[in-house]
Amino acid sequence: YANCRVEKIEWQGKRATGVVGSFLAPGTQQATGRTARVEARVVVVSGGAINSPVILLRSGLEQGPVGRKTWLHPVVAMGAFYDQRIEGFYGAPQSVASHHFAHRNEGAGFFIEAAPVHPMLSSIAMPGFGALLRSNMAMLPHVCATIALMIDGFHPEENGGTVTVRDGGGPKLDYPFTERMYECFRAAMKAVARIHMANGAREIVSFHSEPVRIVNEKDLARLDAAPLGPNRLAVFTAHQMGGCRMGADASRSVVNPQLRHHVVENLFVIDGSVFPTSLGVNPMESIYAVASWASDHVRAAAG
């Protein structure tokens, strides 16, 4: 059904019996009070790493680490101003990437990507308000933005984030920042700044609430002194993974290696939430592959 939000999965014993949803008003997405119930031989949850755990939790399926070990590939960015026009809002939006820093002995690894600078995205991401933001946006044709994505989930002390259910039934994500992450952020910003300096940028700016401005190697030390934390440095995510991790041990995972729920036999979770860690690459193709592979198990379960 269109404009219908899944509220819960109905189940009894080891079998899911159906799915209950509520209809939302088009445009406002407000509940209309109308509901629907779908009976099913097999239920597949594909809500992603944020919503799949919430659907299970709202359904009373709290077995295993539901919602825990959620990974985000936390992203920091640097913007660079060039004398020549870059016009990064044209052409392929992410044309260059590097995994040179993916494996670092001294801290968490990260990978680097060229970022799109579409006007709407840039106006949201750029630091500052009012005259500062207006001035930065006026220079957009001369701006090149580069992002660095931390590879989270590969250190024994990393717990990632936790997805829970808010009082109103929606998702809540808690993802604490740690000193290990801060070290990675600083190293990543320095690496990106060096790329732009080598490429001839006139000025490189960080995405702190009070931007750090860099024109030479000596200025990189300012990144060490710049404050980090919520509302101090813009940290983004486009890759949500984990929260319904797959595994053979039911105490440490939500679904088995065939993506079948450990308790409810005709329930599958098929999306990025099943990854035990982050991937260190854009997870899109991996999710495609997992979904294609898992479809055989769903067909077999459906008879």
C-alpha atoms as a PDB file:
ATOM      1  CA  TYR A   1       0.000   0.000   0.000  1.00  0.00           C
ATOM      2  CA  ALA A   2       1.172   3.549  -0.689  1.00  0.00           C
ATOM      3  CA  ASN A   3       1.567   5.916   2.280  1.00  0.00           C
ATOM      4  CA  CYS A   4       1.313   3.032   4.724  1.00  0.00           C
ATOM      5  CA  ARG A   5       3.839   2.751   7.553  1.00  0.00           C
ATOM      6  CA  VAL A   6       4.619  -0.616   9.109  1.00  0.00           C
ATOM      7  CA  GLU A   7       3.852  -0.513  12.815  1.00  0.00           C
ATOM      8  CA  LYS A   8       4.634  -4.060  13.855  1.00  0.00           C
ATOM      9  CA  ILE A   9       4.987  -7.680  12.845  1.00  0.00           C
ATOM     10  CA  GLU A  10       2.488 -10.065  14.393  1.00  0.00           C
ATOM     11  CA  TRP A  11       3.985 -13.371  15.452  1.00  0.00           C
ATOM     12  CA  GLN A  12       3.275 -16.340  17.657  1.00  0.00           C
ATOM     13  CA  GLY A  13       5.762 -18.937  18.781  1.00  0.00           C
ATOM     14  CA  LYS A  14       8.236 -19.357  15.935  1.00  0.00           C
ATOM     15  CA  ARG A  15       6.005 -18.018  13.156  1.00  0.00           C
ATOM     16  CA  ALA A  16       5.173 -14.549  11.869  1.00  0.00           C
ATOM     17  CA  THR A  17       1.495 -14.345  10.980  1.00  0.00           C
ATOM     18  CA  GLY A  18       1.169 -10.873   9.481  1.00  0.00           C
ATOM     19  CA  VAL A  19       2.101  -7.218   9.373  1.00  0.00           C
ATOM     20  CA  VAL A  20       0.102  -4.257  10.713  1.00  0.00           C
ATOM     21  CA  GLY A  21       0.469  -0.813   9.171  1.00  0.00           C
ATOM     22  CA  SER A  22      -1.082   2.631   9.521  1.00  0.00           C
ATOM     23  CA  PHE A  23      -1.994   4.916   6.628  1.00  0.00           C
ATOM     24  CA  LEU A  24      -0.427   8.372   6.429  1.00  0.00           C
ATOM     25  CA  ALA A  25      -1.833  11.455   4.755  1.00  0.00           C
ATOM     26  CA  PRO A  26       0.003  12.252   1.490  1.00  0.00           C
ATOM     27  CA  GLY A  27       2.149  15.349   1.818  1.00  0.00           C
ATOM     28  CA  THR A  28       1.934  15.706   5.601  1.00  0.00           C
ATOM     29  CA  GLN A  29       2.764  12.093   6.518  1.00  0.00           C
ATOM     30  CA  GLN A  30       0.425  12.420   9.496  1.00  0.00           C
ATOM     31  CA  ALA A  31      -1.487   9.372  10.707  1.00  0.00           C
ATOM     32  CA  THR A  32      -5.042   9.171   9.371  1.00  0.00           C
ATOM     33  CA  GLY A  33      -6.298   6.615  11.886  1.00  0.00           C
ATOM     34  CA  ARG A  34      -6.793   3.992   9.172  1.00  0.00           C
ATOM     35  CA  THR A  35      -4.875   0.750   9.491  1.00  0.00           C
ATOM     36  CA  ALA A  36      -4.237  -2.353   7.424  1.00  0.00           C
ATOM     37  CA  ARG A  37      -3.270  -5.900   8.279  1.00  0.00           C
ATOM     38  CA  VAL A  38      -1.543  -8.172   5.782  1.00  0.00           C
ATOM     39  CA  GLU A  39      -1.386 -11.911   6.378  1.00  0.00           C
ATOM     40  CA  ALA A  40       1.815 -13.477   5.088  1.00  0.00           C
ATOM     41  CA  ARG A  41       3.527 -16.825   4.796  1.00  0.00           C
ATOM     42  CA  VAL A  42       6.907 -15.081   4.892  1.00  0.00           C
ATOM     43  CA  VAL A  43       7.821 -11.596   6.157  1.00  0.00           C
ATOM     44  CA  VAL A  44      10.872  -9.705   4.879  1.00  0.00           C
ATOM     45  CA  VAL A  45      12.021  -6.595   6.757  1.00  0.00           C
ATOM     46  CA  SER A  46      14.013  -4.177   4.590  1.00  0.00           C
ATOM     47  CA  GLY A  47      13.812  -0.894   6.473  1.00  0.00           C
ATOM     48  CA  GLY A  48      17.544  -0.202   6.568  1.00  0.00           C
ATOM     49  CA  ALA A  49      19.884   0.030   9.531  1.00  0.00           C
ATOM     50  CA  ILE A  50      17.749   2.630  11.314  1.00  0.00           C
ATOM     51  CA  ASN A  51      14.195   1.413  10.728  1.00  0.00           C
ATOM     52  CA  SER A  52      14.599  -2.375  10.611  1.00  0.00           C
ATOM     53  CA  PRO A  53      15.674  -2.570  14.288  1.00  0.00           C
ATOM     54  CA  VAL A  54      12.786  -0.276  15.237  1.00  0.00           C
ATOM     55  CA  ILE A  55      10.244  -2.500  13.470  1.00  0.00           C
ATOM     56  CA  LEU A  56      11.572  -5.545  15.331  1.00  0.00           C
ATOM     57  CA  LEU A  57      11.578  -3.719  18.669  1.00  0.00           C
ATOM     58  CA  ARG A  58       8.027  -2.413  18.180  1.00  0.00           C
ATOM     59  CA  SER A  59       7.023  -6.008  17.443  1.00  0.00           C
ATOM     60  CA  GLY A  60       8.439  -7.310  20.721  1.00  0.00           C
ATOM     61  CA  LEU A  61      11.277  -9.105  18.936  1.00  0.00           C
ATOM     62  CA  GLU A  62      14.031  -8.015  21.288  1.00  0.00           C
ATOM     63  CA  GLN A  63      16.076 -11.202  21.143  1.00  0.00           C
ATOM     64  CA  GLY A  64      19.765 -10.707  20.457  1.00  0.00           C
ATOM     65  CA  PRO A  65      21.514  -7.358  20.051  1.00  0.00           C
ATOM     66  CA  VAL A  66      18.692  -5.643  18.143  1.00  0.00           C
ATOM     67  CA  GLY A  67      19.650  -2.044  17.409  1.00  0.00           C
ATOM     68  CA  ARG A  68      23.171  -2.386  18.791  1.00  0.00           C
ATOM     69  CA  LYS A  69      26.453  -2.257  16.887  1.00  0.00           C
ATOM     70  CA  THR A  70      25.116   0.284  14.392  1.00  0.00           C
ATOM     71  CA  TRP A  71      27.808   1.717  12.123  1.00  0.00           C
ATOM     72  CA  LEU A  72      27.764   4.982  10.195  1.00  0.00           C
ATOM     73  CA  HIS A  73      31.045   5.572   8.332  1.00  0.00           C
ATOM     74  CA  PRO A  74      31.198   8.970  10.126  1.00  0.00           C
ATOM     75  CA  VAL A  75      32.165  11.647   7.608  1.00  0.00           C
ATOM     76  CA  VAL A  76      34.198  14.821   7.984  1.00  0.00           C
ATOM     77  CA  ALA A  77      34.760  17.247   5.138  1.00  0.00           C
ATOM     78  CA  MET A  78      37.001  20.075   4.016  1.00  0.00           C
ATOM     79  CA  GLY A  79      36.130  22.743   1.500  1.00  0.00           C
ATOM     80  CA  ALA A  80      38.745  24.337  -0.742  1.00  0.00           C
ATOM     81  CA  PHE A  81      38.596  27.603  -2.677  1.00  0.00           C
ATOM     82  CA  TYR A  82      40.396  27.763  -6.020  1.00  0.00           C
ATOM     83  CA  ASP A  83      41.148  30.677  -8.331  1.00  0.00           C
ATOM     84  CA  GLN A  84      39.894  28.683 -11.315  1.00  0.00           C
ATOM     85  CA  ARG A  85      36.306  27.545 -11.672  1.00  0.00           C
ATOM     86  CA  ILE A  86      35.726  23.982 -10.454  1.00  0.00           C
ATOM     87  CA  GLU A  87      31.944  23.803 -10.970  1.00  0.00           C
ATOM     88  CA  GLY A  88      31.595  20.646  -8.925  1.00  0.00           C
ATOM     89  CA  PHE A  89      27.825  20.731  -9.365  1.00  0.00           C
ATOM     90  CA  TYR A  90      28.231  19.473 -12.969  1.00  0.00           C
ATOM     91  CA  GLY A  91      29.190  16.035 -14.221  1.00  0.00           C
ATOM     92  CA  ALA A  92      29.814  12.910 -12.162  1.00  0.00           C
ATOM     93  CA  PRO A  93      29.133  13.839  -8.527  1.00  0.00           C
ATOM     94  CA  GLN A  94      31.793  11.574  -6.988  1.00  0.00           C
ATOM     95  CA  SER A  95      34.480  10.976  -9.571  1.00  0.00           C
ATOM     96  CA  VAL A  96      37.590  10.220  -7.473  1.00  0.00           C
ATOM     97  CA  ALA A  97      38.244   8.116  -4.360  1.00  0.00           C
ATOM     98  CA  SER A  98      41.232   6.799  -2.412  1.00  0.00           C
ATOM     99  CA  HIS A  99      41.726   4.037   0.162  1.00  0.00           C
ATOM    100  CA  HIS A 100      45.328   5.022   0.871  1.00  0.00           C
ATOM    101  CA  PHE A 101      44.513   5.619   4.557  1.00  0.00           C
ATOM    102  CA  ALA A 102      42.122   2.683   5.023  1.00  0.00           C
ATOM    103  CA  HIS A 103      44.629   0.753   7.152  1.00  0.00           C
ATOM    104  CA  ARG A 104      46.417   2.920   9.706  1.00  0.00           C
ATOM    105  CA  ASN A 105      48.491   1.406  12.503  1.00  0.00           C
ATOM    106  CA  GLU A 106      48.058   4.465  14.705  1.00  0.00           C
ATOM    107  CA  GLY A 107      44.272   4.736  14.579  1.00  0.00           C
ATOM    108  CA  ALA A 108      41.042   4.080  12.747  1.00  0.00           C
ATOM    109  CA  GLY A 109      41.276   3.992   8.981  1.00  0.00           C
ATOM    110  CA  PHE A 110      39.392   6.240   6.598  1.00  0.00           C
ATOM    111  CA  PHE A 111      38.813   6.578   2.877  1.00  0.00           C
ATOM    112  CA  ILE A 112      38.567   9.744   0.831  1.00  0.00           C
ATOM    113  CA  GLU A 113      36.070  10.732  -1.841  1.00  0.00           C
ATOM    114  CA  ALA A 114      35.381  13.759  -3.983  1.00  0.00           C
ATOM    115  CA  ALA A 115      32.031  15.165  -2.891  1.00  0.00           C
ATOM    116  CA  PRO A 116      29.251  16.770  -4.925  1.00  0.00           C
ATOM    117  CA  VAL A 117      28.657  20.466  -4.310  1.00  0.00           C
ATOM    118  CA  HIS A 118      25.075  20.815  -5.464  1.00  0.00           C
ATOM    119  CA  PRO A 119      23.699  24.174  -4.262  1.00  0.00           C
ATOM    120  CA  MET A 120      21.127  22.741  -1.839  1.00  0.00           C
ATOM    121  CA  LEU A 121      23.598  20.305  -0.255  1.00  0.00           C
ATOM    122  CA  SER A 122      26.318  22.942  -0.107  1.00  0.00           C
ATOM    123  CA  SER A 123      24.098  25.539   1.546  1.00  0.00           C
ATOM    124  CA  ILE A 124      23.225  23.047   4.292  1.00  0.00           C
ATOM    125  CA  ALA A 125      26.755  21.740   4.797  1.00  0.00           C
ATOM    126  CA  MET A 126      28.782  24.946   4.632  1.00  0.00           C
ATOM    127  CA  PRO A 127      29.590  26.495   8.007  1.00  0.00           C
ATOM    128  CA  GLY A 128      28.230  29.801   9.141  1.00  0.00           C
ATOM    129  CA  PHE A 129      25.053  31.800   8.701  1.00  0.00           C
ATOM    130  CA  GLY A 130      24.014  35.117   7.215  1.00  0.00           C
ATOM    131  CA  ALA A 131      26.749  37.106   5.493  1.00  0.00           C
ATOM    132  CA  LEU A 132      29.383  34.365   5.912  1.00  0.00           C
ATOM    133  CA  LEU A 133      27.192  31.710   4.317  1.00  0.00           C
ATOM    134  CA  ARG A 134      26.138  34.103   1.552  1.00  0.00           C
ATOM    135  CA  SER A 135      29.781  34.889   0.798  1.00  0.00           C
ATOM    136  CA  ASN A 136      30.736  31.208   0.705  1.00  0.00           C
ATOM    137  CA  MET A 137      27.816  30.313  -1.569  1.00  0.00           C
ATOM    138  CA  ALA A 138      28.739  33.130  -3.959  1.00  0.00           C
ATOM    139  CA  MET A 139      32.077  31.356  -4.416  1.00  0.00           C
ATOM    140  CA  LEU A 140      30.474  27.950  -5.071  1.00  0.00           C
ATOM    141  CA  PRO A 141      31.746  27.645  -8.683  1.00  0.00           C
ATOM    142  CA  HIS A 142      35.289  27.882  -7.256  1.00  0.00           C
ATOM    143  CA  VAL A 143      34.729  25.386  -4.419  1.00  0.00           C
ATOM    144  CA  CYS A 144      35.910  21.798  -4.292  1.00  0.00           C
ATOM    145  CA  ALA A 145      34.695  19.700  -1.357  1.00  0.00           C
ATOM    146  CA  THR A 146      36.337  16.459  -0.280  1.00  0.00           C
ATOM    147  CA  ILE A 147      35.079  14.038   2.343  1.00  0.00           C
ATOM    148  CA  ALA A 148      36.789  11.442   4.529  1.00  0.00           C
ATOM    149  CA  LEU A 149      34.793   8.486   5.842  1.00  0.00           C
ATOM    150  CA  MET A 150      35.919   6.717   9.012  1.00  0.00           C
ATOM    151  CA  ILE A 151      35.863   2.910   8.811  1.00  0.00           C
ATOM    152  CA  ASP A 152      34.132   2.053  12.086  1.00  0.00           C
ATOM    153  CA  GLY A 153      33.533  -1.315  13.713  1.00  0.00           C
ATOM    154  CA  PHE A 154      36.962  -2.940  13.452  1.00  0.00           C
ATOM    155  CA  HIS A 155      38.394  -2.196  16.899  1.00  0.00           C
ATOM    156  CA  PRO A 156      37.485  -4.276  19.983  1.00  0.00           C
ATOM    157  CA  GLU A 157      36.668  -1.125  21.963  1.00  0.00           C
ATOM    158  CA  GLU A 158      34.239   0.211  19.350  1.00  0.00           C
ATOM    159  CA  ASN A 159      30.565  -0.277  20.178  1.00  0.00           C
ATOM    160  CA  GLY A 160      29.111   1.906  17.456  1.00  0.00           C
ATOM    161  CA  GLY A 161      25.623   3.299  17.873  1.00  0.00           C
ATOM    162  CA  THR A 162      22.380   2.040  19.356  1.00  0.00           C
ATOM    163  CA  VAL A 163      18.940   2.321  17.759  1.00  0.00           C
ATOM    164  CA  THR A 164      15.967   2.402  20.138  1.00  0.00           C
ATOM    165  CA  VAL A 165      12.298   3.377  19.934  1.00  0.00           C
ATOM    166  CA  ARG A 166      11.159   6.863  20.901  1.00  0.00           C
ATOM    167  CA  ASP A 167       8.013   7.408  22.950  1.00  0.00           C
ATOM    168  CA  GLY A 168       6.087   8.179  19.764  1.00  0.00           C
ATOM    169  CA  GLY A 169       7.278   4.990  18.100  1.00  0.00           C
ATOM    170  CA  GLY A 170       9.920   6.519  15.840  1.00  0.00           C
ATOM    171  CA  PRO A 171      13.613   5.653  15.735  1.00  0.00           C
ATOM    172  CA  LYS A 172      16.240   7.119  18.031  1.00  0.00           C
ATOM    173  CA  LEU A 173      19.955   6.717  17.335  1.00  0.00           C
ATOM    174  CA  ASP A 174      22.661   7.262  19.929  1.00  0.00           C
ATOM    175  CA  TYR A 175      26.176   7.235  18.482  1.00  0.00           C
ATOM    176  CA  PRO A 176      28.756   8.436  21.030  1.00  0.00           C
ATOM    177  CA  PHE A 177      31.930  10.091  19.772  1.00  0.00           C
ATOM    178  CA  THR A 178      35.189   8.765  21.224  1.00  0.00           C
ATOM    179  CA  GLU A 179      38.803   9.908  21.351  1.00  0.00           C
ATOM    180  CA  ARG A 180      39.628   7.253  18.751  1.00  0.00           C
ATOM    181  CA  MET A 181      37.138   8.894  16.411  1.00  0.00           C
ATOM    182  CA  TYR A 182      38.451  12.376  17.129  1.00  0.00           C
ATOM    183  CA  GLU A 183      42.000  11.264  16.293  1.00  0.00           C
ATOM    184  CA  CYS A 184      40.723   9.846  13.021  1.00  0.00           C
ATOM    185  CA  PHE A 185      38.802  13.031  12.214  1.00  0.00           C
ATOM    186  CA  ARG A 186      41.890  15.208  12.730  1.00  0.00           C
ATOM    187  CA  ALA A 187      44.116  12.909  10.669  1.00  0.00           C
ATOM    188  CA  ALA A 188      41.520  12.792   7.903  1.00  0.00           C
ATOM    189  CA  MET A 189      41.064  16.556   7.757  1.00  0.00           C
ATOM    190  CA  LYS A 190      44.828  17.041   7.564  1.00  0.00           C
ATOM    191  CA  ALA A 191      45.139  14.489   4.762  1.00  0.00           C
ATOM    192  CA  VAL A 192      42.371  16.153   2.775  1.00  0.00           C
ATOM    193  CA  ALA A 193      43.857  19.608   3.340  1.00  0.00           C
ATOM    194  CA  ARG A 194      47.237  18.405   2.057  1.00  0.00           C
ATOM    195  CA  ILE A 195      45.579  17.089  -1.102  1.00  0.00           C
ATOM    196  CA  HIS A 196      44.103  20.516  -1.800  1.00  0.00           C
ATOM    197  CA  MET A 197      47.334  22.348  -0.993  1.00  0.00           C
ATOM    198  CA  ALA A 198      49.197  20.093  -3.439  1.00  0.00           C
ATOM    199  CA  ASN A 199      46.501  20.825  -6.011  1.00  0.00           C
ATOM    200  CA  GLY A 200      46.938  24.582  -5.728  1.00  0.00           C
ATOM    201  CA  ALA A 201      43.966  25.633  -3.597  1.00  0.00           C
ATOM    202  CA  ARG A 202      43.996  29.233  -2.449  1.00  0.00           C
ATOM    203  CA  GLU A 203      42.419  28.420   0.923  1.00  0.00           C
ATOM    204  CA  ILE A 204      41.048  25.330   2.672  1.00  0.00           C
ATOM    205  CA  VAL A 205      38.372  25.590   5.357  1.00  0.00           C
ATOM    206  CA  SER A 206      37.092  23.072   7.873  1.00  0.00           C
ATOM    207  CA  PHE A 207      33.461  22.438   8.758  1.00  0.00           C
ATOM    208  CA  HIS A 208      33.805  23.462  12.402  1.00  0.00           C
ATOM    209  CA  SER A 209      31.193  25.842  13.783  1.00  0.00           C
ATOM    210  CA  GLU A 210      34.067  28.345  13.717  1.00  0.00           C
ATOM    211  CA  PRO A 211      35.909  27.236  10.563  1.00  0.00           C
ATOM    212  CA  VAL A 212      39.640  26.615  10.640  1.00  0.00           C
ATOM    213  CA  ARG A 213      41.266  28.318   7.655  1.00  0.00           C
ATOM    214  CA  ILE A 214      44.370  26.759   6.137  1.00  0.00           C
ATOM    215  CA  VAL A 215      46.729  28.143   3.496  1.00  0.00           C
ATOM    216  CA  ASN A 216      49.976  26.278   4.278  1.00  0.00           C
ATOM    217  CA  GLU A 217      51.389  23.257   6.117  1.00  0.00           C
ATOM    218  CA  LYS A 218      51.966  25.237   9.306  1.00  0.00           C
ATOM    219  CA  ASP A 219      48.260  26.035   9.560  1.00  0.00           C
ATOM    220  CA  LEU A 220      47.384  22.330   9.939  1.00  0.00           C
ATOM    221  CA  ALA A 221      48.281  22.556  13.633  1.00  0.00           C
ATOM    222  CA  ARG A 222      45.152  24.659  14.101  1.00  0.00           C
ATOM    223  CA  LEU A 223      43.076  21.527  13.517  1.00  0.00           C
ATOM    224  CA  ASP A 224      44.577  19.969  16.652  1.00  0.00           C
ATOM    225  CA  ALA A 225      43.397  22.895  18.765  1.00  0.00           C
ATOM    226  CA  ALA A 226      39.954  23.244  17.187  1.00  0.00           C
ATOM    227  CA  PRO A 227      37.123  21.941  19.406  1.00  0.00           C
ATOM    228  CA  LEU A 228      35.396  18.686  18.494  1.00  0.00           C
ATOM    229  CA  GLY A 229      32.038  17.304  19.542  1.00  0.00           C
ATOM    230  CA  PRO A 230      28.338  17.804  18.866  1.00  0.00           C
ATOM    231  CA  ASN A 231      27.610  21.235  17.356  1.00  0.00           C
ATOM    232  CA  ARG A 232      31.353  21.934  17.200  1.00  0.00           C
ATOM    233  CA  LEU A 233      32.229  19.998  14.039  1.00  0.00           C
ATOM    234  CA  ALA A 234      29.863  18.914  11.276  1.00  0.00           C
ATOM    235  CA  VAL A 235      29.904  15.114  11.023  1.00  0.00           C
ATOM    236  CA  PHE A 236      27.809  13.482   8.306  1.00  0.00           C
ATOM    237  CA  THR A 237      26.714   9.972   7.391  1.00  0.00           C
ATOM    238  CA  ALA A 238      25.293   8.432   4.240  1.00  0.00           C
ATOM    239  CA  HIS A 239      26.091   4.782   4.996  1.00  0.00           C
ATOM    240  CA  GLN A 240      24.080   3.264   7.837  1.00  0.00           C
ATOM    241  CA  MET A 241      24.930  -0.369   8.590  1.00  0.00           C
ATOM    242  CA  GLY A 242      24.416  -2.917  11.359  1.00  0.00           C
ATOM    243  CA  GLY A 243      21.819  -3.125  14.108  1.00  0.00           C
ATOM    244  CA  CYS A 244      20.444  -6.519  12.979  1.00  0.00           C
ATOM    245  CA  ARG A 245      23.783  -8.230  12.497  1.00  0.00           C
ATOM    246  CA  MET A 246      24.035 -11.672  10.960  1.00  0.00           C
ATOM    247  CA  GLY A 247      25.820 -14.550  12.664  1.00  0.00           C
ATOM    248  CA  ALA A 248      25.597 -18.139  13.846  1.00  0.00           C
ATOM    249  CA  ASP A 249      25.505 -17.231  17.567  1.00  0.00           C
ATOM    250  CA  ALA A 250      21.974 -16.113  18.498  1.00  0.00           C
ATOM    251  CA  SER A 251      23.273 -14.277  21.572  1.00  0.00           C
ATOM    252  CA  ARG A 252      25.493 -12.048  19.425  1.00  0.00           C
ATOM    253  CA  SER A 253      23.375 -11.666  16.284  1.00  0.00           C
ATOM    254  CA  VAL A 254      19.779 -11.092  15.170  1.00  0.00           C
ATOM    255  CA  VAL A 255      19.646 -13.208  12.005  1.00  0.00           C
ATOM    256  CA  ASN A 256      21.497 -16.339  10.965  1.00  0.00           C
ATOM    257  CA  PRO A 257      23.918 -16.509   8.001  1.00  0.00           C
ATOM    258  CA  GLN A 258      20.918 -17.013   5.670  1.00  0.00           C
ATOM    259  CA  LEU A 259      19.398 -13.778   7.082  1.00  0.00           C
ATOM    260  CA  ARG A 260      16.581 -15.699   8.772  1.00  0.00           C
ATOM    261  CA  HIS A 261      15.571 -14.442  12.230  1.00  0.00           C
ATOM    262  CA  HIS A 262      16.956 -16.631  15.014  1.00  0.00           C
ATOM    263  CA  VAL A 263      13.568 -16.981  16.746  1.00  0.00           C
ATOM    264  CA  VAL A 264      10.873 -16.401  14.104  1.00  0.00           C
ATOM    265  CA  GLU A 265      11.557 -18.915  11.353  1.00  0.00           C
ATOM    266  CA  ASN A 266       9.616 -17.258   8.519  1.00  0.00           C
ATOM    267  CA  LEU A 267      11.005 -13.769   9.174  1.00  0.00           C
ATOM    268  CA  PHE A 268      13.971 -12.425   7.220  1.00  0.00           C
ATOM    269  CA  VAL A 269      15.921  -9.160   7.488  1.00  0.00           C
ATOM    270  CA  ILE A 270      17.477  -8.194   4.160  1.00  0.00           C
ATOM    271  CA  ASP A 271      19.254  -4.830   4.058  1.00  0.00           C
ATOM    272  CA  GLY A 272      22.376  -3.083   5.331  1.00  0.00           C
ATOM    273  CA  SER A 273      21.433  -3.693   8.958  1.00  0.00           C
ATOM    274  CA  VAL A 274      22.715  -7.291   8.751  1.00  0.00           C
ATOM    275  CA  PHE A 275      26.378  -6.298   8.323  1.00  0.00           C
ATOM    276  CA  PRO A 276      28.380  -7.045  11.512  1.00  0.00           C
ATOM    277  CA  THR A 277      30.702  -4.068  10.920  1.00  0.00           C
ATOM    278  CA  SER A 278      30.919  -1.219   8.473  1.00  0.00           C
ATOM    279  CA  LEU A 279      32.372  -2.169   5.096  1.00  0.00           C
ATOM    280  CA  GLY A 280      34.994   0.451   4.363  1.00  0.00           C
ATOM    281  CA  VAL A 281      33.369   1.040   0.972  1.00  0.00           C
ATOM    282  CA  ASN A 282      30.034   2.415  -0.173  1.00  0.00           C
ATOM    283  CA  PRO A 283      27.661  -0.412   0.874  1.00  0.00           C
ATOM    284  CA  MET A 284      25.236  -0.002  -2.030  1.00  0.00           C
ATOM    285  CA  GLU A 285      26.498  -2.840  -4.222  1.00  0.00           C
ATOM    286  CA  SER A 286      27.020  -5.134  -1.223  1.00  0.00           C
ATOM    287  CA  ILE A 287      23.394  -4.597  -0.202  1.00  0.00           C
ATOM    288  CA  TYR A 288      22.286  -5.357  -3.766  1.00  0.00           C
ATOM    289  CA  ALA A 289      24.309  -8.577  -3.712  1.00  0.00           C
ATOM    290  CA  VAL A 290      23.038  -9.694  -0.304  1.00  0.00           C
ATOM    291  CA  ALA A 291      19.435  -9.041  -1.348  1.00  0.00           C
ATOM    292  CA  SER A 292      19.836 -11.004  -4.564  1.00  0.00           C
ATOM    293  CA  TRP A 293      21.469 -13.918  -2.760  1.00  0.00           C
ATOM    294  CA  ALA A 294      18.937 -13.931   0.102  1.00  0.00           C
ATOM    295  CA  SER A 295      15.978 -13.968  -2.281  1.00  0.00           C
ATOM    296  CA  ASP A 296      16.647 -17.665  -2.907  1.00  0.00           C
ATOM    297  CA  HIS A 297      16.177 -18.398   0.798  1.00  0.00           C
ATOM    298  CA  VAL A 298      12.960 -16.370   0.862  1.00  0.00           C
ATOM    299  CA  ARG A 299      11.568 -18.249  -2.131  1.00  0.00           C
ATOM    300  CA  ALA A 300      12.397 -21.564  -0.479  1.00  0.00           C
ATOM    301  CA  ALA A 301      10.682 -20.490   2.752  1.00  0.00           C
ATOM    302  CA  ALA A 302       7.582 -19.358   0.850  1.00  0.00           C
ATOM    303  CA  GLY A 303       7.285 -22.735  -0.822  1.00  0.00           C
END
